[in-house]
C-alpha atoms as a PDB file:
ATOM      1  CA  UNK A   1       0.039  -0.380   0.105  1.00  0.00           C
ATOM      2  CA  UNK A   2       1.782   3.286   1.397  1.00  0.00           C
ATOM      3  CA  UNK A   3       1.444   6.334  -1.118  1.00  0.00           C
ATOM      4  CA  UNK A   4       0.664   6.859  -4.951  1.00  0.00           C
ATOM      5  CA  UNK A   5       4.174   6.553  -6.955  1.00  0.00           C
ATOM      6  CA  UNK A   6       4.311   9.338 -10.312  1.00  0.00           C
ATOM      7  CA  UNK A   7       3.321   7.106 -12.794  1.00  0.00           C
ATOM      8  CA  UNK A   8       0.043   6.164 -10.337  1.00  0.00           C
ATOM      9  CA  UNK A   9      -0.296   9.427 -10.558  1.00  0.00           C
ATOM     10  CA  UNK A  10      -0.450   9.806 -14.367  1.00  0.00           C
ATOM     11  CA  UNK A  11      -2.550   7.086 -14.941  1.00  0.00           C
ATOM     12  CA  UNK A  12      -5.227   9.150 -12.991  1.00  0.00           C
ATOM     13  CA  UNK A  13      -4.414  12.230 -14.920  1.00  0.00           C
ATOM     14  CA  UNK A  14      -5.036  10.630 -18.089  1.00  0.00           C
ATOM     15  CA  UNK A  15      -7.928   9.512 -17.134  1.00  0.00           C
ATOM     16  CA  UNK A  16      -9.333  13.244 -16.440  1.00  0.00           C
ATOM     17  CA  UNK A  17      -8.204  14.329 -19.831  1.00  0.00           C
ATOM     18  CA  UNK A  18     -10.039  11.045 -20.947  1.00  0.00           C
ATOM     19  CA  UNK A  19     -12.874  11.771 -19.170  1.00  0.00           C
ATOM     20  CA  UNK A  20     -13.280  15.421 -19.486  1.00  0.00           C
ATOM     21  CA  UNK A  21     -11.119  17.466 -22.121  1.00  0.00           C
ATOM     22  CA  UNK A  22      -8.458  19.388 -22.275  1.00  0.00           C
ATOM     23  CA  UNK A  23     -11.431  22.357 -22.374  1.00  0.00           C
ATOM     24  CA  UNK A  24     -12.729  22.163 -19.698  1.00  0.00           C
ATOM     25  CA  UNK A  25     -10.109  21.256 -17.060  1.00  0.00           C
ATOM     26  CA  UNK A  26      -8.975  25.045 -16.425  1.00  0.00           C
ATOM     27  CA  UNK A  27     -12.675  25.453 -15.644  1.00  0.00           C
ATOM     28  CA  UNK A  28     -12.668  22.887 -13.095  1.00  0.00           C
ATOM     29  CA  UNK A  29      -8.802  23.715 -11.330  1.00  0.00           C
ATOM     30  CA  UNK A  30     -10.788  27.067 -10.952  1.00  0.00           C
ATOM     31  CA  UNK A  31     -14.317  26.186  -8.877  1.00  0.00           C
ATOM     32  CA  UNK A  32     -12.244  23.976  -6.945  1.00  0.00           C
ATOM     33  CA  UNK A  33      -9.628  26.601  -6.665  1.00  0.00           C
ATOM     34  CA  UNK A  34     -12.361  28.597  -5.401  1.00  0.00           C
ATOM     35  CA  UNK A  35     -14.381  25.933  -3.220  1.00  0.00           C
ATOM     36  CA  UNK A  36     -11.128  25.547  -0.717  1.00  0.00           C
ATOM     37  CA  UNK A  37     -10.575  28.912  -0.789  1.00  0.00           C
ATOM     38  CA  UNK A  38     -13.742  29.561   0.658  1.00  0.00           C
ATOM     39  CA  UNK A  39     -13.667  26.202   2.927  1.00  0.00           C
ATOM     40  CA  UNK A  40     -10.283  28.156   4.087  1.00  0.00           C
ATOM     41  CA  UNK A  41     -11.667  32.175   4.895  1.00  0.00           C
ATOM     42  CA  UNK A  42     -15.032  30.145   6.922  1.00  0.00           C
ATOM     43  CA  UNK A  43     -12.569  27.544   8.464  1.00  0.00           C
ATOM     44  CA  UNK A  44     -10.301  31.372   9.529  1.00  0.00           C
ATOM     45  CA  UNK A  45     -13.945  32.866  10.287  1.00  0.00           C
ATOM     46  CA  UNK A  46     -14.892  29.853  12.767  1.00  0.00           C
ATOM     47  CA  UNK A  47     -11.716  30.251  15.434  1.00  0.00           C
ATOM     48  CA  UNK A  48     -12.289  33.963  15.410  1.00  0.00           C
ATOM     49  CA  UNK A  49     -16.392  33.408  16.134  1.00  0.00           C
ATOM     50  CA  UNK A  50     -14.890  30.885  18.600  1.00  0.00           C
ATOM     51  CA  UNK A  51     -12.440  33.302  20.168  1.00  0.00           C
ATOM     52  CA  UNK A  52     -14.204  36.167  20.738  1.00  0.00           C
ATOM     53  CA  UNK A  53     -17.452  34.136  22.097  1.00  0.00           C
ATOM     54  CA  UNK A  54     -14.505  32.017  24.572  1.00  0.00           C
ATOM     55  CA  UNK A  55     -12.873  36.190  25.185  1.00  0.00           C
ATOM     56  CA  UNK A  56     -17.047  37.431  25.983  1.00  0.00           C
ATOM     57  CA  UNK A  57     -16.990  33.791  28.441  1.00  0.00           C
ATOM     58  CA  UNK A  58     -14.369  35.590  30.887  1.00  0.00           C
END
């Protein structure tokens, strides 16, 4: 088991290109990046809200 080698990642990339085509890949990357960015901002907001709440309780 363990981690995947570069050969495995090339096969995965080939399958993704065959499934979606090269024209859709930039849009998929942009959407995925936006989702990750939104998740990170949500996590920051949650931590900030928790810090404010714990400061008010003291």
